[in-house]
Amino acid sequence: MASPIIASLSWGQMKVQGSNLTYKDCKVWPGGSRAWDWRETGTEVPPSTVEYLQKQGINVRVLQTEQAVKEYNALVAQGVRVGGVFHSTC
């Protein structure tokens, strides 16, 4: 399954290809997406999380949302199976 394109991003609103929903914050992965409440985990990415993912062979990027969406969509366009967690109001 391919990762869905993030079709649009504006303050407080994100649209993902293949979903009729408008997300405030979302998680995307190959084959799907869902709403994400940043209060579940906060918006910081702990170094231990990055280290764990890297040890699993996963390339990790922690970026400001607009830049993250650009990089995510560029990877999707290259056919890379990619996932992300996006917060649209900071």
C-alpha atoms as a PDB file:
ATOM      1  CA  MET A   1       0.000   0.000   0.000  1.00  0.00           C
ATOM      2  CA  ALA A   2       1.138   3.505  -0.794  1.00  0.00           C
ATOM      3  CA  SER A   3       1.295   6.344   1.688  1.00  0.00           C
ATOM      4  CA  PRO A   4      -1.445   8.948   1.151  1.00  0.00           C
ATOM      5  CA  ILE A   5      -0.552  12.438  -0.064  1.00  0.00           C
ATOM      6  CA  ILE A   6      -1.322  15.307   2.291  1.00  0.00           C
ATOM      7  CA  ALA A   7      -3.554  17.263  -0.072  1.00  0.00           C
ATOM      8  CA  SER A   8      -3.711  20.535   1.862  1.00  0.00           C
ATOM      9  CA  LEU A   9      -2.485  22.205   5.023  1.00  0.00           C
ATOM     10  CA  SER A  10      -3.621  25.426   6.625  1.00  0.00           C
ATOM     11  CA  TRP A  11      -3.761  26.570  10.228  1.00  0.00           C
ATOM     12  CA  GLY A  12      -5.927  24.050  12.070  1.00  0.00           C
ATOM     13  CA  GLN A  13      -6.885  22.051   8.960  1.00  0.00           C
ATOM     14  CA  MET A  14      -5.328  19.204   7.039  1.00  0.00           C
ATOM     15  CA  LYS A  15      -6.792  17.125   4.230  1.00  0.00           C
ATOM     16  CA  VAL A  16      -5.378  13.735   3.298  1.00  0.00           C
ATOM     17  CA  GLN A  17      -5.847  11.992  -0.038  1.00  0.00           C
ATOM     18  CA  GLY A  18      -8.388   9.187   0.271  1.00  0.00           C
ATOM     19  CA  SER A  19     -10.169  10.637   3.311  1.00  0.00           C
ATOM     20  CA  ASN A  20     -13.277  12.810   3.377  1.00  0.00           C
ATOM     21  CA  LEU A  21     -12.319  14.112   6.818  1.00  0.00           C
ATOM     22  CA  THR A  22     -10.640  17.388   7.669  1.00  0.00           C
ATOM     23  CA  TYR A  23      -8.072  16.850  10.405  1.00  0.00           C
ATOM     24  CA  LYS A  24      -6.712  19.353  12.885  1.00  0.00           C
ATOM     25  CA  ASP A  25      -3.844  16.995  13.650  1.00  0.00           C
ATOM     26  CA  CYS A  26      -3.290  13.598  12.074  1.00  0.00           C
ATOM     27  CA  LYS A  27      -1.246  10.452  11.751  1.00  0.00           C
ATOM     28  CA  VAL A  28      -0.630   9.063   8.274  1.00  0.00           C
ATOM     29  CA  TRP A  29       0.915   5.755   7.202  1.00  0.00           C
ATOM     30  CA  PRO A  30       0.989   3.527   4.138  1.00  0.00           C
ATOM     31  CA  GLY A  31      -2.664   2.841   3.408  1.00  0.00           C
ATOM     32  CA  GLY A  32      -4.351   5.185   5.850  1.00  0.00           C
ATOM     33  CA  SER A  33      -4.757   8.129   8.171  1.00  0.00           C
ATOM     34  CA  ARG A  34      -6.544   9.046  11.367  1.00  0.00           C
ATOM     35  CA  ALA A  35      -7.084  12.000  13.645  1.00  0.00           C
ATOM     36  CA  TRP A  36      -4.460  12.488  16.345  1.00  0.00           C
ATOM     37  CA  ASP A  37      -4.954  14.375  19.597  1.00  0.00           C
ATOM     38  CA  TRP A  38      -1.562  15.893  20.423  1.00  0.00           C
ATOM     39  CA  ARG A  39      -2.475  15.694  24.107  1.00  0.00           C
ATOM     40  CA  GLU A  40      -2.033  11.884  23.829  1.00  0.00           C
ATOM     41  CA  THR A  41       1.735  12.281  23.670  1.00  0.00           C
ATOM     42  CA  GLY A  42       2.566  15.985  23.441  1.00  0.00           C
ATOM     43  CA  THR A  43       4.260  17.548  20.434  1.00  0.00           C
ATOM     44  CA  GLU A  44       7.864  16.933  21.491  1.00  0.00           C
ATOM     45  CA  VAL A  45       9.681  13.897  20.094  1.00  0.00           C
ATOM     46  CA  PRO A  46      11.855  12.436  22.862  1.00  0.00           C
ATOM     47  CA  PRO A  47      15.420  11.463  21.905  1.00  0.00           C
ATOM     48  CA  SER A  48      14.663   7.936  23.139  1.00  0.00           C
ATOM     49  CA  THR A  49      11.894   7.625  20.519  1.00  0.00           C
ATOM     50  CA  VAL A  50      14.199   8.785  17.721  1.00  0.00           C
ATOM     51  CA  GLU A  51      16.932   6.386  18.885  1.00  0.00           C
ATOM     52  CA  TYR A  52      14.495   3.457  19.071  1.00  0.00           C
ATOM     53  CA  LEU A  53      13.190   4.069  15.554  1.00  0.00           C
ATOM     54  CA  GLN A  54      16.690   4.480  14.137  1.00  0.00           C
ATOM     55  CA  LYS A  55      17.753   1.171  15.729  1.00  0.00           C
ATOM     56  CA  GLN A  56      14.826  -0.411  13.857  1.00  0.00           C
ATOM     57  CA  GLY A  57      16.296   0.917  10.603  1.00  0.00           C
ATOM     58  CA  ILE A  58      13.715   3.697  10.273  1.00  0.00           C
ATOM     59  CA  ASN A  59      14.867   7.068   8.946  1.00  0.00           C
ATOM     60  CA  VAL A  60      13.475   9.796  11.245  1.00  0.00           C
ATOM     61  CA  ARG A  61      12.901  13.482  10.557  1.00  0.00           C
ATOM     62  CA  VAL A  62      11.541  15.950  13.117  1.00  0.00           C
ATOM     63  CA  LEU A  63      10.558  19.141  11.290  1.00  0.00           C
ATOM     64  CA  GLN A  64       8.270  22.161  11.518  1.00  0.00           C
ATOM     65  CA  THR A  65       4.861  21.185  10.102  1.00  0.00           C
ATOM     66  CA  GLU A  66       4.961  22.982   6.725  1.00  0.00           C
ATOM     67  CA  GLN A  67       8.447  21.633   5.991  1.00  0.00           C
ATOM     68  CA  ALA A  68       7.459  18.175   7.247  1.00  0.00           C
ATOM     69  CA  VAL A  69       4.466  18.057   4.883  1.00  0.00           C
ATOM     70  CA  LYS A  70       6.656  19.112   1.924  1.00  0.00           C
ATOM     71  CA  GLU A  71       9.247  16.438   2.694  1.00  0.00           C
ATOM     72  CA  TYR A  72       6.593  13.791   3.404  1.00  0.00           C
ATOM     73  CA  ASN A  73       4.798  14.487   0.090  1.00  0.00           C
ATOM     74  CA  ALA A  74       8.112  14.497  -1.814  1.00  0.00           C
ATOM     75  CA  LEU A  75       8.946  11.057  -0.415  1.00  0.00           C
ATOM     76  CA  VAL A  76       5.459   9.771  -1.260  1.00  0.00           C
ATOM     77  CA  ALA A  77       5.892  11.080  -4.831  1.00  0.00           C
ATOM     78  CA  GLN A  78       9.104   9.017  -5.059  1.00  0.00           C
ATOM     79  CA  GLY A  79       7.170   5.903  -4.039  1.00  0.00           C
ATOM     80  CA  VAL A  80       8.664   5.704  -0.552  1.00  0.00           C
ATOM     81  CA  ARG A  81       6.443   4.090   2.086  1.00  0.00           C
ATOM     82  CA  VAL A  82       6.416   6.810   4.730  1.00  0.00           C
ATOM     83  CA  GLY A  83       4.424   7.735   7.805  1.00  0.00           C
ATOM     84  CA  GLY A  84       4.083  10.868   9.856  1.00  0.00           C
ATOM     85  CA  VAL A  85       2.448  12.629  12.750  1.00  0.00           C
ATOM     86  CA  PHE A  86       1.401  16.212  12.003  1.00  0.00           C
ATOM     87  CA  HIS A  87       0.244  19.048  14.284  1.00  0.00           C
ATOM     88  CA  SER A  88      -1.310  21.924  12.324  1.00  0.00           C
ATOM     89  CA  THR A  89      -1.652  24.692  14.903  1.00  0.00           C
ATOM     90  CA  CYS A  90       1.925  25.455  15.982  1.00  0.00           C
END
